[in-house]
PDB file of N, CA and C in Angstrom:
ATOM      1  N   MET A   1     215.309 -65.727 141.050  1.00  0.00           N
ATOM      2  CA  MET A   1     214.910 -65.687 139.712  1.00  0.00           C
ATOM      3  C   MET A   1     213.709 -67.126 139.935  1.00  0.00           C
ATOM      4  N   GLY A   2     212.856 -67.310 139.018  1.00  0.00           N
ATOM      5  CA  GLY A   2     211.673 -68.340 138.819  1.00  0.00           C
ATOM      6  C   GLY A   2     212.378 -69.313 138.028  1.00  0.00           C
ATOM      7  N   VAL A   3     211.674 -70.580 138.785  1.00  0.00           N
ATOM      8  CA  VAL A   3     211.001 -71.680 137.480  1.00  0.00           C
ATOM      9  C   VAL A   3     209.799 -71.233 136.696  1.00  0.00           C
ATOM     10  N   GLY A   4     210.220 -71.936 135.322  1.00  0.00           N
ATOM     11  CA  GLY A   4     208.801 -71.701 134.196  1.00  0.00           C
ATOM     12  C   GLY A   4     209.369 -71.208 133.052  1.00  0.00           C
ATOM     13  N   ALA A   5     207.972 -70.713 132.417  1.00  0.00           N
ATOM     14  CA  ALA A   5     208.180 -69.528 130.943  1.00  0.00           C
ATOM     15  C   ALA A   5     208.340 -68.770 130.909  1.00  0.00           C
ATOM     16  N   ASP A   6     209.380 -67.762 130.928  1.00  0.00           N
ATOM     17  CA  ASP A   6     209.764 -66.755 130.880  1.00  0.00           C
ATOM     18  C   ASP A   6     209.213 -65.729 129.782  1.00  0.00           C
ATOM     19  N   ASP A   7     209.264 -66.073 128.489  1.00  0.00           N
ATOM     20  CA  ASP A   7     208.647 -65.479 127.758  1.00  0.00           C
ATOM     21  C   ASP A   7     207.743 -66.181 126.952  1.00  0.00           C
ATOM     22  N   TYR A   8     206.861 -65.329 125.523  1.00  0.00           N
ATOM     23  CA  TYR A   8     205.686 -65.943 125.343  1.00  0.00           C
ATOM     24  C   TYR A   8     206.477 -67.237 124.382  1.00  0.00           C
ATOM     25  N   ILE A   9     207.624 -67.020 123.705  1.00  0.00           N
ATOM     26  CA  ILE A   9     207.677 -68.795 122.842  1.00  0.00           C
ATOM     27  C   ILE A   9     207.720 -69.490 123.849  1.00  0.00           C
ATOM     28  N   ASP A  10     208.420 -69.283 124.945  1.00  0.00           N
ATOM     29  CA  ASP A  10     208.475 -70.177 126.348  1.00  0.00           C
ATOM     30  C   ASP A  10     207.261 -70.763 126.102  1.00  0.00           C
ATOM     31  N   ARG A  11     206.352 -69.820 126.821  1.00  0.00           N
ATOM     32  CA  ARG A  11     204.972 -70.017 126.977  1.00  0.00           C
ATOM     33  C   ARG A  11     203.954 -70.771 126.190  1.00  0.00           C
ATOM     34  N   MET A  12     204.218 -70.795 124.896  1.00  0.00           N
ATOM     35  CA  MET A  12     203.988 -71.490 123.651  1.00  0.00           C
ATOM     36  C   MET A  12     204.289 -73.500 123.767  1.00  0.00           C
ATOM     37  N   LEU A  13     205.140 -73.211 123.871  1.00  0.00           N
ATOM     38  CA  LEU A  13     206.528 -74.456 124.322  1.00  0.00           C
ATOM     39  C   LEU A  13     205.749 -74.986 124.733  1.00  0.00           C
ATOM     40  N   VAL A  14     205.079 -74.570 126.456  1.00  0.00           N
ATOM     41  CA  VAL A  14     205.109 -75.229 127.174  1.00  0.00           C
ATOM     42  C   VAL A  14     203.653 -75.588 126.918  1.00  0.00           C
ATOM     43  N   GLN A  15     202.677 -74.672 127.086  1.00  0.00           N
ATOM     44  CA  GLN A  15     201.292 -75.299 126.791  1.00  0.00           C
ATOM     45  C   GLN A  15     201.769 -76.067 125.376  1.00  0.00           C
ATOM     46  N   LYS A  16     201.793 -76.620 124.546  1.00  0.00           N
ATOM     47  CA  LYS A  16     202.019 -77.182 123.438  1.00  0.00           C
ATOM     48  C   LYS A  16     202.409 -78.857 123.893  1.00  0.00           C
ATOM     49  N   TYR A  17     203.766 -78.923 124.569  1.00  0.00           N
ATOM     50  CA  TYR A  17     203.914 -80.012 125.174  1.00  0.00           C
ATOM     51  C   TYR A  17     203.747 -80.879 126.794  1.00  0.00           C
ATOM     52  N   GLN A  18     202.813 -79.939 127.100  1.00  0.00           N
ATOM     53  CA  GLN A  18     202.057 -80.090 128.435  1.00  0.00           C
ATOM     54  C   GLN A  18     201.737 -81.600 128.720  1.00  0.00           C
ATOM     55  N   GLU A  19     200.501 -82.126 127.184  1.00  0.00           N
ATOM     56  CA  GLU A  19     199.941 -83.038 127.413  1.00  0.00           C
ATOM     57  C   GLU A  19     200.254 -84.448 126.810  1.00  0.00           C
ATOM     58  N   GLU A  20     201.525 -84.123 126.240  1.00  0.00           N
ATOM     59  CA  GLU A  20     203.301 -85.118 125.323  1.00  0.00           C
ATOM     60  C   GLU A  20     202.888 -86.318 126.539  1.00  0.00           C
ATOM     61  N   LYS A  21     202.846 -87.966 125.544  1.00  0.00           N
ATOM     62  CA  LYS A  21     202.865 -89.005 126.982  1.00  0.00           C
ATOM     63  C   LYS A  21     204.691 -89.123 126.449  1.00  0.00           C
ATOM     64  N   VAL A  22     204.770 -89.825 127.901  1.00  0.00           N
ATOM     65  CA  VAL A  22     206.362 -89.889 127.189  1.00  0.00           C
ATOM     66  C   VAL A  22     206.269 -91.064 127.645  1.00  0.00           C
ATOM     67  N   ASP A  23     207.491 -92.543 127.311  1.00  0.00           N
ATOM     68  CA  ASP A  23     207.407 -93.856 127.292  1.00  0.00           C
ATOM     69  C   ASP A  23     207.963 -93.445 129.486  1.00  0.00           C
ATOM     70  N   ASN A  24     206.818 -94.827 130.295  1.00  0.00           N
ATOM     71  CA  ASN A  24     207.115 -94.617 130.898  1.00  0.00           C
ATOM     72  C   ASN A  24     207.928 -96.043 131.147  1.00  0.00           C
ATOM     73  N   HIS A  25     209.358 -95.928 131.835  1.00  0.00           N
ATOM     74  CA  HIS A  25     210.622 -97.230 131.900  1.00  0.00           C
ATOM     75  C   HIS A  25     209.945 -97.973 132.847  1.00  0.00           C
ATOM     76  N   ASP A  26     209.381 -97.473 133.975  1.00  0.00           N
ATOM     77  CA  ASP A  26     208.661 -98.338 135.108  1.00  0.00           C
ATOM     78  C   ASP A  26     208.456 -99.159 134.622  1.00  0.00           C
ATOM     79  N   SER A  27     207.306 -99.236 133.712  1.00  0.00           N
ATOM     80  CA  SER A  27     206.174-100.452 133.795  1.00  0.00           C
ATOM     81  C   SER A  27     206.371-101.047 132.022  1.00  0.00           C
ATOM     82  N   MET A  28     208.253-101.039 131.191  1.00  0.00           N
ATOM     83  CA  MET A  28     208.704-101.501 130.314  1.00  0.00           C
ATOM     84  C   MET A  28     209.477-102.699 130.931  1.00  0.00           C
ATOM     85  N   GLU A  29     209.786-103.361 130.571  1.00  0.00           N
ATOM     86  CA  GLU A  29     210.273-104.851 130.738  1.00  0.00           C
ATOM     87  C   GLU A  29     211.819-105.151 130.219  1.00  0.00           C
ATOM     88  N   SER A  30     212.757-105.005 130.854  1.00  0.00           N
ATOM     89  CA  SER A  30     214.278-104.796 130.560  1.00  0.00           C
ATOM     90  C   SER A  30     214.924-105.837 130.071  1.00  0.00           C
ATOM     91  N   MET A  31     215.721-105.655 128.639  1.00  0.00           N
ATOM     92  CA  MET A  31     215.606-106.590 127.675  1.00  0.00           C
ATOM     93  C   MET A  31     216.416-106.959 128.105  1.00  0.00           C
ATOM     94  N   VAL A  32     217.794-106.520 129.164  1.00  0.00           N
ATOM     95  CA  VAL A  32     218.694-107.353 130.411  1.00  0.00           C
ATOM     96  C   VAL A  32     217.968-107.775 131.538  1.00  0.00           C
ATOM     97  N   ASP A  33     218.265-109.234 132.019  1.00  0.00           N
ATOM     98  CA  ASP A  33     218.218-109.632 132.671  1.00  0.00           C
ATOM     99  C   ASP A  33     219.602-108.805 134.383  1.00  0.00           C
ATOM    100  N   PRO A  34     218.513-107.996 135.025  1.00  0.00           N
ATOM    101  CA  PRO A  34     219.828-107.156 135.609  1.00  0.00           C
ATOM    102  C   PRO A  34     220.977-108.411 137.040  1.00  0.00           C
ATOM    103  N   GLU A  35     219.862-109.938 137.223  1.00  0.00           N
ATOM    104  CA  GLU A  35     220.847-110.573 137.938  1.00  0.00           C
ATOM    105  C   GLU A  35     222.356-111.120 137.070  1.00  0.00           C
ATOM    106  N   LYS A  36     221.723-111.301 135.532  1.00  0.00           N
ATOM    107  CA  LYS A  36     222.826-111.505 134.793  1.00  0.00           C
ATOM    108  C   LYS A  36     223.815-110.676 134.423  1.00  0.00           C
ATOM    109  N   MET A  37     222.959-109.348 134.523  1.00  0.00           N
ATOM    110  CA  MET A  37     224.232-108.073 134.085  1.00  0.00           C
ATOM    111  C   MET A  37     224.779-108.593 135.283  1.00  0.00           C
ATOM    112  N   MET A  38     224.306-108.296 136.842  1.00  0.00           N
ATOM    113  CA  MET A  38     225.467-107.805 137.723  1.00  0.00           C
ATOM    114  C   MET A  38     226.487-108.885 138.350  1.00  0.00           C
ATOM    115  N   GLY A  39     226.037-110.127 137.566  1.00  0.00           N
ATOM    116  CA  GLY A  39     226.978-111.934 137.522  1.00  0.00           C
ATOM    117  C   GLY A  39     227.866-111.090 136.586  1.00  0.00           C
ATOM    118  N   ALA A  40     228.136-110.897 134.974  1.00  0.00           N
ATOM    119  CA  ALA A  40     228.926-110.624 134.525  1.00  0.00           C
ATOM    120  C   ALA A  40     229.694-109.768 134.809  1.00  0.00           C
ATOM    121  N   MET A  41     229.550-108.226 135.446  1.00  0.00           N
ATOM    122  CA  MET A  41     229.994-107.190 135.904  1.00  0.00           C
ATOM    123  C   MET A  41     231.062-107.654 137.059  1.00  0.00           C
ATOM    124  N   ASN A  42     230.629-107.994 138.286  1.00  0.00           N
ATOM    125  CA  ASN A  42     231.399-109.105 139.128  1.00  0.00           C
ATOM    126  C   ASN A  42     232.301-110.020 138.963  1.00  0.00           C
ATOM    127  N   ASP A  43     231.993-110.891 137.512  1.00  0.00           N
ATOM    128  CA  ASP A  43     233.178-111.809 136.676  1.00  0.00           C
ATOM    129  C   ASP A  43     233.946-110.663 135.824  1.00  0.00           C
ATOM    130  N   TYR A  44     233.914-110.043 135.440  1.00  0.00           N
ATOM    131  CA  TYR A  44     234.337-108.319 135.104  1.00  0.00           C
ATOM    132  C   TYR A  44     235.397-107.766 135.819  1.00  0.00           C
ATOM    133  N   ALA A  45     235.404-107.805 137.432  1.00  0.00           N
ATOM    134  CA  ALA A  45     235.936-107.294 137.894  1.00  0.00           C
ATOM    135  C   ALA A  45     236.918-108.491 139.032  1.00  0.00           C
ATOM    136  N   ALA A  46     236.451-109.352 138.859  1.00  0.00           N
ATOM    137  CA  ALA A  46     237.044-110.339 139.540  1.00  0.00           C
ATOM    138  C   ALA A  46     238.681-110.956 138.866  1.00  0.00           C
ATOM    139  N   THR A  47     238.340-110.928 137.646  1.00  0.00           N
ATOM    140  CA  THR A  47     239.192-110.901 136.265  1.00  0.00           C
ATOM    141  C   THR A  47     240.068-110.019 136.535  1.00  0.00           C
ATOM    142  N   LEU A  48     239.747-108.429 136.652  1.00  0.00           N
ATOM    143  CA  LEU A  48     240.857-107.464 136.310  1.00  0.00           C
ATOM    144  C   LEU A  48     241.470-107.727 137.985  1.00  0.00           C
ATOM    145  N   ARG A  49     240.740-107.889 138.626  1.00  0.00           N
ATOM    146  CA  ARG A  49     241.573-108.008 139.873  1.00  0.00           C
ATOM    147  C   ARG A  49     242.718-108.858 139.942  1.00  0.00           C
ATOM    148  N   ASN A  50     242.254-110.392 139.329  1.00  0.00           N
ATOM    149  CA  ASN A  50     243.122-111.276 139.659  1.00  0.00           C
ATOM    150  C   ASN A  50     244.080-111.567 138.406  1.00  0.00           C
ATOM    151  N   MET A  51     244.238-110.516 137.622  1.00  0.00           N
ATOM    152  CA  MET A  51     245.267-109.759 136.279  1.00  0.00           C
ATOM    153  C   MET A  51     245.969-108.681 136.885  1.00  0.00           C
ATOM    154  N   MET A  52     245.225-107.581 137.930  1.00  0.00           N
ATOM    155  CA  MET A  52     246.135-106.999 138.862  1.00  0.00           C
ATOM    156  C   MET A  52     247.047-107.405 139.580  1.00  0.00           C
ATOM    157  N   GLU A  53     247.091-108.786 139.910  1.00  0.00           N
ATOM    158  CA  GLU A  53     247.644-109.360 141.306  1.00  0.00           C
ATOM    159  C   GLU A  53     248.936-110.125 140.919  1.00  0.00           C
ATOM    160  N   LEU A  54     248.563-110.425 139.617  1.00  0.00           N
ATOM    161  CA  LEU A  54     249.850-111.094 138.891  1.00  0.00           C
ATOM    162  C   LEU A  54     250.801-110.497 138.091  1.00  0.00           C
ATOM    163  N   ARG A  55     249.986-109.822 137.910  1.00  0.00           N
ATOM    164  CA  ARG A  55     250.908-108.179 136.908  1.00  0.00           C
ATOM    165  C   ARG A  55     252.289-107.860 138.076  1.00  0.00           C
ATOM    166  N   GLN A  56     251.933-107.513 139.021  1.00  0.00           N
ATOM    167  CA  GLN A  56     252.303-107.900 140.347  1.00  0.00           C
ATOM    168  C   GLN A  56     253.467-108.261 140.499  1.00  0.00           C
ATOM    169  N   ARG A  57     252.757-108.874 140.879  1.00  0.00           N
ATOM    170  CA  ARG A  57     253.469-110.588 141.494  1.00  0.00           C
ATOM    171  C   ARG A  57     254.343-111.001 140.166  1.00  0.00           C
ATOM    172  N   LEU A  58     253.982-110.741 139.141  1.00  0.00           N
ATOM    173  CA  LEU A  58     255.067-110.969 138.224  1.00  0.00           C
ATOM    174  C   LEU A  58     256.061-109.601 137.862  1.00  0.00           C
ATOM    175  N   ASN A  59     256.134-108.442 138.292  1.00  0.00           N
ATOM    176  CA  ASN A  59     256.804-107.479 138.456  1.00  0.00           C
ATOM    177  C   ASN A  59     257.975-107.800 139.755  1.00  0.00           C
ATOM    178  N   ILE A  60     257.438-107.923 140.739  1.00  0.00           N
ATOM    179  CA  ILE A  60     258.451-108.232 141.663  1.00  0.00           C
ATOM    180  C   ILE A  60     259.355-109.192 141.533  1.00  0.00           C
ATOM    181  N   ALA A  61     258.530-110.510 141.028  1.00  0.00           N
ATOM    182  CA  ALA A  61     259.731-111.698 140.077  1.00  0.00           C
ATOM    183  C   ALA A  61     260.763-111.020 139.486  1.00  0.00           C
ATOM    184  N   CYS A  62     260.425-110.519 138.656  1.00  0.00           N
ATOM    185  CA  CYS A  62     261.385-109.722 137.228  1.00  0.00           C
ATOM    186  C   CYS A  62     262.573-109.196 138.221  1.00  0.00           C
ATOM    187  N   TYR A  63     261.518-108.279 138.541  1.00  0.00           N
ATOM    188  CA  TYR A  63     262.970-107.065 140.061  1.00  0.00           C
ATOM    189  C   TYR A  63     264.138-107.663 140.367  1.00  0.00           C
ATOM    190  N   ALA A  64     263.476-109.325 141.260  1.00  0.00           N
ATOM    191  CA  ALA A  64     264.424-109.787 141.929  1.00  0.00           C
ATOM    192  C   ALA A  64     265.542-110.516 141.085  1.00  0.00           C
ATOM    193  N   ILE A  65     264.865-111.114 139.499  1.00  0.00           N
ATOM    194  CA  ILE A  65     266.081-111.731 138.861  1.00  0.00           C
ATOM    195  C   ILE A  65     266.627-110.999 137.991  1.00  0.00           C
ATOM    196  N   ASN A  66     265.716-109.412 137.593  1.00  0.00           N
ATOM    197  CA  ASN A  66     267.162-108.701 136.951  1.00  0.00           C
ATOM    198  C   ASN A  66     268.014-108.460 138.510  1.00  0.00           C
ATOM    199  N   ALA A  67     268.092-108.241 139.503  1.00  0.00           N
ATOM    200  CA  ALA A  67     268.824-107.782 140.695  1.00  0.00           C
ATOM    201  C   ALA A  67     269.822-108.686 141.077  1.00  0.00           C
ATOM    202  N   ARG A  68     269.213-109.747 140.561  1.00  0.00           N
ATOM    203  CA  ARG A  68     270.613-110.754 141.220  1.00  0.00           C
ATOM    204  C   ARG A  68     271.186-110.943 139.905  1.00  0.00           C
ATOM    205  N   THR A  69     271.084-110.872 138.953  1.00  0.00           N
ATOM    206  CA  THR A  69     271.907-110.748 137.360  1.00  0.00           C
ATOM    207  C   THR A  69     272.411-109.052 137.516  1.00  0.00           C
ATOM    208  N   ALA A  70     272.253-108.738 138.063  1.00  0.00           N
ATOM    209  CA  ALA A  70     273.322-107.544 137.816  1.00  0.00           C
ATOM    210  C   ALA A  70     274.427-107.696 138.033  1.00  0.00           C
ATOM    211  N   ARG A  71     275.360-107.211 136.934  1.00  0.00           N
ATOM    212  CA  ARG A  71     276.493-107.112 137.374  1.00  0.00           C
ATOM    213  C   ARG A  71     277.357-105.496 136.939  1.00  0.00           C
ATOM    214  N   TYR A  72     277.709-105.114 138.144  1.00  0.00           N
ATOM    215  CA  TYR A  72     278.256-103.485 138.500  1.00  0.00           C
ATOM    216  C   TYR A  72     280.094-103.386 137.704  1.00  0.00           C
ATOM    217  N   GLN A  73     280.373-102.628 137.448  1.00  0.00           N
ATOM    218  CA  GLN A  73     281.704-101.627 137.427  1.00  0.00           C
ATOM    219  C   GLN A  73     281.799-101.246 137.564  1.00  0.00           C
ATOM    220  N   LYS A  74     282.884-101.202 137.602  1.00  0.00           N
ATOM    221  CA  LYS A  74     283.475 -99.720 138.632  1.00  0.00           C
ATOM    222  C   LYS A  74     283.632 -98.850 137.347  1.00  0.00           C
ATOM    223  N   SER A  75     283.577 -97.056 137.676  1.00  0.00           N
ATOM    224  CA  SER A  75     283.910 -96.511 136.773  1.00  0.00           C
ATOM    225  C   SER A  75     284.997 -95.950 136.658  1.00  0.00           C
ATOM    226  N   LEU A  76     285.191 -95.600 135.834  1.00  0.00           N
ATOM    227  CA  LEU A  76     287.099 -94.487 135.433  1.00  0.00           C
ATOM    228  C   LEU A  76     286.706 -93.509 136.274  1.00  0.00           C
ATOM    229  N   GLY A  77     286.161 -93.116 136.618  1.00  0.00           N
ATOM    230  CA  GLY A  77     286.332 -91.660 137.981  1.00  0.00           C
ATOM    231  C   GLY A  77     286.618 -92.509 139.426  1.00  0.00           C
ATOM    232  N   GLN A  78     286.743 -93.557 139.570  1.00  0.00           N
ATOM    233  CA  GLN A  78     286.531 -94.424 141.053  1.00  0.00           C
ATOM    234  C   GLN A  78     288.016 -95.453 141.018  1.00  0.00           C
ATOM    235  N   ARG A  79     288.029 -95.584 141.983  1.00  0.00           N
ATOM    236  CA  ARG A  79     289.306 -96.246 142.127  1.00  0.00           C
ATOM    237  C   ARG A  79     289.463 -96.946 143.869  1.00  0.00           C
TER     238      ARG A  79
END
């Protein structure tokens, strides 16, 4: 299977658009400073990591509190 136009319509479309110019993104200046973007992404990741660690610590503390205050009762079937 080759690459390229297979029929008459495809060949006409290739001829029509082969001379079209497109925006060259390499020569364009970005509207967002890449260093600031990486800094913001790094800050977001650090915040998320800290929130996950705090959530894990809170879950451990809550589990410990619930385990200490639990009151167990014998069921009617056991003596």
